[in-house]
N, C-alpha and C. Protein backbone atom coordinates (compact mmCIF):
# COMPACT_ATOMS: atom_id res chain seq x y z
N UNK A 1 24.34 124.92 -54.35
CA UNK A 1 23.75 123.76 -54.99
C UNK A 1 23.08 124.19 -56.29
N UNK A 2 23.40 123.51 -57.36
CA UNK A 2 22.79 123.78 -58.65
C UNK A 2 21.37 123.21 -58.67
N UNK A 3 20.50 123.83 -59.42
CA UNK A 3 19.13 123.31 -59.48
C UNK A 3 19.07 121.99 -60.24
N UNK A 4 20.18 121.59 -60.89
CA UNK A 4 20.22 120.31 -61.60
C UNK A 4 21.02 119.25 -60.84
N UNK A 5 21.39 119.50 -59.60
CA UNK A 5 22.16 118.53 -58.82
C UNK A 5 21.40 117.20 -58.64
N UNK A 6 20.11 117.24 -58.68
CA UNK A 6 19.31 116.04 -58.48
C UNK A 6 19.08 115.26 -59.77
N UNK A 7 19.49 115.81 -60.90
CA UNK A 7 19.30 115.15 -62.19
C UNK A 7 20.59 114.40 -62.52
N UNK A 8 20.46 113.09 -62.75
CA UNK A 8 21.64 112.28 -63.03
C UNK A 8 21.47 111.52 -64.34
N UNK A 9 22.59 111.14 -64.90
CA UNK A 9 22.64 110.38 -66.15
C UNK A 9 23.61 109.23 -65.94
N UNK A 10 23.15 108.03 -66.19
CA UNK A 10 24.00 106.86 -66.06
C UNK A 10 23.61 105.89 -67.16
N UNK A 11 24.56 105.52 -68.03
CA UNK A 11 24.21 104.61 -69.12
C UNK A 11 23.68 103.26 -68.65
N UNK A 12 23.94 102.91 -67.40
CA UNK A 12 23.45 101.64 -66.85
C UNK A 12 22.07 101.75 -66.20
N UNK A 13 21.54 102.95 -66.14
CA UNK A 13 20.21 103.16 -65.56
C UNK A 13 19.33 103.78 -66.63
N UNK A 14 18.34 103.04 -67.07
CA UNK A 14 17.38 103.48 -68.10
C UNK A 14 18.08 104.01 -69.35
N UNK A 15 19.20 103.38 -69.69
CA UNK A 15 19.90 103.75 -70.92
C UNK A 15 20.47 105.15 -70.93
N UNK A 16 20.68 105.74 -69.77
CA UNK A 16 21.26 107.07 -69.69
C UNK A 16 20.26 108.20 -69.70
N UNK A 17 18.96 107.88 -69.62
CA UNK A 17 17.94 108.93 -69.55
C UNK A 17 18.14 109.78 -68.30
N UNK A 18 17.69 111.01 -68.37
CA UNK A 18 17.74 111.90 -67.21
C UNK A 18 16.84 111.32 -66.11
N UNK A 19 17.45 111.04 -64.96
CA UNK A 19 16.74 110.44 -63.83
C UNK A 19 16.92 111.30 -62.58
N UNK A 20 16.17 110.96 -61.58
CA UNK A 20 16.27 111.65 -60.30
C UNK A 20 17.23 110.90 -59.38
N UNK A 21 18.31 111.56 -58.98
CA UNK A 21 19.27 111.07 -57.99
C UNK A 21 19.69 109.63 -58.19
N UNK A 22 19.89 109.22 -59.44
CA UNK A 22 20.38 107.88 -59.71
C UNK A 22 19.35 106.78 -59.57
N UNK A 23 18.11 107.17 -59.28
CA UNK A 23 17.04 106.17 -59.15
C UNK A 23 16.48 105.88 -60.54
N UNK A 24 15.69 104.87 -60.64
CA UNK A 24 15.04 104.51 -61.90
C UNK A 24 13.72 105.27 -62.05
N UNK A 25 13.78 106.55 -61.75
CA UNK A 25 12.61 107.42 -61.92
C UNK A 25 13.04 108.53 -62.88
N UNK A 26 12.61 108.42 -64.15
CA UNK A 26 13.05 109.40 -65.14
C UNK A 26 12.33 110.74 -64.99
N UNK A 27 13.04 111.78 -65.37
CA UNK A 27 12.46 113.12 -65.38
C UNK A 27 11.19 113.13 -66.21
N UNK A 28 11.19 112.44 -67.33
CA UNK A 28 10.02 112.43 -68.22
C UNK A 28 8.78 111.89 -67.53
N UNK A 29 8.94 110.93 -66.63
CA UNK A 29 7.80 110.40 -65.89
C UNK A 29 7.20 111.48 -65.00
N UNK A 30 8.05 112.18 -64.27
CA UNK A 30 7.57 113.23 -63.37
C UNK A 30 6.87 114.34 -64.16
N UNK A 31 7.48 114.77 -65.25
CA UNK A 31 6.88 115.83 -66.06
C UNK A 31 5.52 115.37 -66.61
N UNK A 32 5.45 114.13 -67.04
CA UNK A 32 4.18 113.59 -67.54
C UNK A 32 3.11 113.56 -66.47
N UNK A 33 3.48 113.17 -65.25
CA UNK A 33 2.51 113.14 -64.16
C UNK A 33 2.00 114.54 -63.84
N UNK A 34 2.90 115.51 -63.79
CA UNK A 34 2.48 116.90 -63.54
C UNK A 34 1.58 117.38 -64.67
N UNK A 35 1.94 117.06 -65.91
CA UNK A 35 1.13 117.47 -67.06
C UNK A 35 -0.27 116.86 -67.03
N UNK A 36 -0.39 115.72 -66.35
CA UNK A 36 -1.69 115.06 -66.23
C UNK A 36 -2.36 115.37 -64.89
N UNK A 37 -1.99 116.53 -64.34
CA UNK A 37 -2.67 117.10 -63.17
C UNK A 37 -2.42 116.41 -61.84
N UNK A 38 -1.36 115.63 -61.72
CA UNK A 38 -1.04 115.08 -60.39
C UNK A 38 -0.32 116.15 -59.59
N UNK A 39 -0.68 116.26 -58.35
CA UNK A 39 0.00 117.21 -57.46
C UNK A 39 1.31 116.59 -56.97
N UNK A 40 2.17 117.44 -56.43
CA UNK A 40 3.43 116.95 -55.88
C UNK A 40 3.17 115.94 -54.77
N UNK A 41 2.17 116.19 -53.93
CA UNK A 41 1.85 115.25 -52.85
C UNK A 41 1.39 113.91 -53.39
N UNK A 42 0.60 113.92 -54.47
CA UNK A 42 0.14 112.67 -55.08
C UNK A 42 1.31 111.90 -55.70
N UNK A 43 2.22 112.62 -56.33
CA UNK A 43 3.39 111.97 -56.94
C UNK A 43 4.26 111.34 -55.86
N UNK A 44 4.48 112.05 -54.77
CA UNK A 44 5.30 111.53 -53.68
C UNK A 44 4.62 110.34 -53.01
N UNK A 45 3.29 110.36 -52.93
CA UNK A 45 2.57 109.22 -52.36
C UNK A 45 2.75 107.98 -53.24
N UNK A 46 2.79 108.19 -54.55
CA UNK A 46 2.96 107.10 -55.51
C UNK A 46 4.42 106.63 -55.58
N UNK A 47 5.36 107.55 -55.40
CA UNK A 47 6.80 107.28 -55.46
C UNK A 47 7.45 107.83 -54.20
N UNK A 48 7.35 107.10 -53.08
CA UNK A 48 7.78 107.64 -51.78
C UNK A 48 9.27 107.95 -51.67
N UNK A 49 10.09 107.46 -52.60
CA UNK A 49 11.52 107.81 -52.55
C UNK A 49 11.77 109.23 -53.05
N UNK A 50 10.78 109.83 -53.69
CA UNK A 50 10.93 111.20 -54.20
C UNK A 50 10.71 112.22 -53.09
N UNK A 51 11.31 113.38 -53.29
CA UNK A 51 11.11 114.53 -52.40
C UNK A 51 10.57 115.67 -53.26
N UNK A 52 9.94 116.62 -52.63
CA UNK A 52 9.35 117.74 -53.39
C UNK A 52 10.41 118.47 -54.22
N UNK A 53 11.63 118.54 -53.70
CA UNK A 53 12.70 119.20 -54.45
C UNK A 53 13.05 118.42 -55.72
N UNK A 54 12.86 117.11 -55.72
CA UNK A 54 13.08 116.30 -56.92
C UNK A 54 12.11 116.71 -58.03
N UNK A 55 10.87 116.94 -57.65
CA UNK A 55 9.85 117.33 -58.63
C UNK A 55 10.18 118.70 -59.20
N UNK A 56 10.55 119.63 -58.34
CA UNK A 56 10.94 120.96 -58.82
C UNK A 56 12.14 120.87 -59.75
N UNK A 57 13.13 120.06 -59.39
CA UNK A 57 14.31 119.91 -60.23
C UNK A 57 13.95 119.32 -61.59
N UNK A 58 13.06 118.35 -61.61
CA UNK A 58 12.63 117.75 -62.87
C UNK A 58 11.95 118.78 -63.76
N UNK A 59 11.12 119.61 -63.18
CA UNK A 59 10.43 120.64 -63.97
C UNK A 59 11.41 121.71 -64.46
N UNK A 60 12.35 122.10 -63.62
CA UNK A 60 13.38 123.06 -64.04
C UNK A 60 14.20 122.49 -65.20
N UNK A 61 14.58 121.22 -65.08
CA UNK A 61 15.37 120.59 -66.12
C UNK A 61 14.59 120.50 -67.43
N UNK A 62 13.33 120.11 -67.34
CA UNK A 62 12.49 120.01 -68.55
C UNK A 62 12.33 121.37 -69.21
N UNK A 63 12.13 122.40 -68.42
CA UNK A 63 12.00 123.74 -68.98
C UNK A 63 13.30 124.18 -69.64
N UNK A 64 14.43 123.86 -69.02
CA UNK A 64 15.73 124.25 -69.54
C UNK A 64 16.02 123.55 -70.87
N UNK A 65 15.58 122.31 -71.01
CA UNK A 65 15.90 121.56 -72.22
C UNK A 65 15.00 121.88 -73.41
N UNK A 66 13.92 122.59 -73.16
CA UNK A 66 13.05 122.93 -74.30
C UNK A 66 13.67 124.04 -75.12
N UNK A 67 13.53 123.90 -76.39
CA UNK A 67 14.08 124.88 -77.34
C UNK A 67 13.12 126.05 -77.43
N UNK A 68 13.63 127.24 -77.30
CA UNK A 68 12.77 128.42 -77.35
C UNK A 68 12.57 128.96 -78.76
N UNK A 69 13.09 128.28 -79.77
CA UNK A 69 12.89 128.71 -81.14
C UNK A 69 11.43 128.52 -81.52
N UNK A 70 10.85 129.54 -82.12
CA UNK A 70 9.45 129.48 -82.54
C UNK A 70 9.40 129.23 -84.03
N UNK A 71 8.68 128.21 -84.42
CA UNK A 71 8.51 127.88 -85.82
C UNK A 71 7.08 128.20 -86.24
N UNK A 72 6.96 129.04 -87.25
CA UNK A 72 5.65 129.42 -87.76
C UNK A 72 5.30 128.52 -88.94
N UNK A 73 4.10 127.95 -88.97
CA UNK A 73 3.72 127.16 -90.13
C UNK A 73 3.66 128.03 -91.38
N UNK A 74 4.12 127.49 -92.47
CA UNK A 74 4.12 128.21 -93.74
C UNK A 74 3.02 127.64 -94.63
N UNK A 75 2.31 128.52 -95.33
CA UNK A 75 1.26 128.01 -96.23
C UNK A 75 1.89 127.16 -97.34
N UNK A 76 1.18 126.12 -97.71
CA UNK A 76 1.63 125.24 -98.77
C UNK A 76 1.14 125.79 -100.10
N UNK A 77 2.06 125.89 -101.04
CA UNK A 77 1.68 126.44 -102.36
C UNK A 77 0.92 125.45 -103.19
C-alpha cells in the first residue's frame, strides 16, 4: 500500500482538490487543523469518518508536495 493511497483527486469533488478517500474532506483542512494544534483524536471527533491513517497520509502528502528549494532574500539596491 502506498502512503498516498488515501489521497484522491476528483474534478467533481471540491474541484479536484486533494481529498481523503473521495470524501469532501480536503488534505488542506487536515493540515490546517494539525497546524493549529488539534490532535488526531480531536480531528477524528470532529470528523468521525476520518481514521488516524487518513491524518498521517494527509501530512505525508503535504510534506511531499512542499518544494525543498531554499530562497534567500536579496538586499535591495
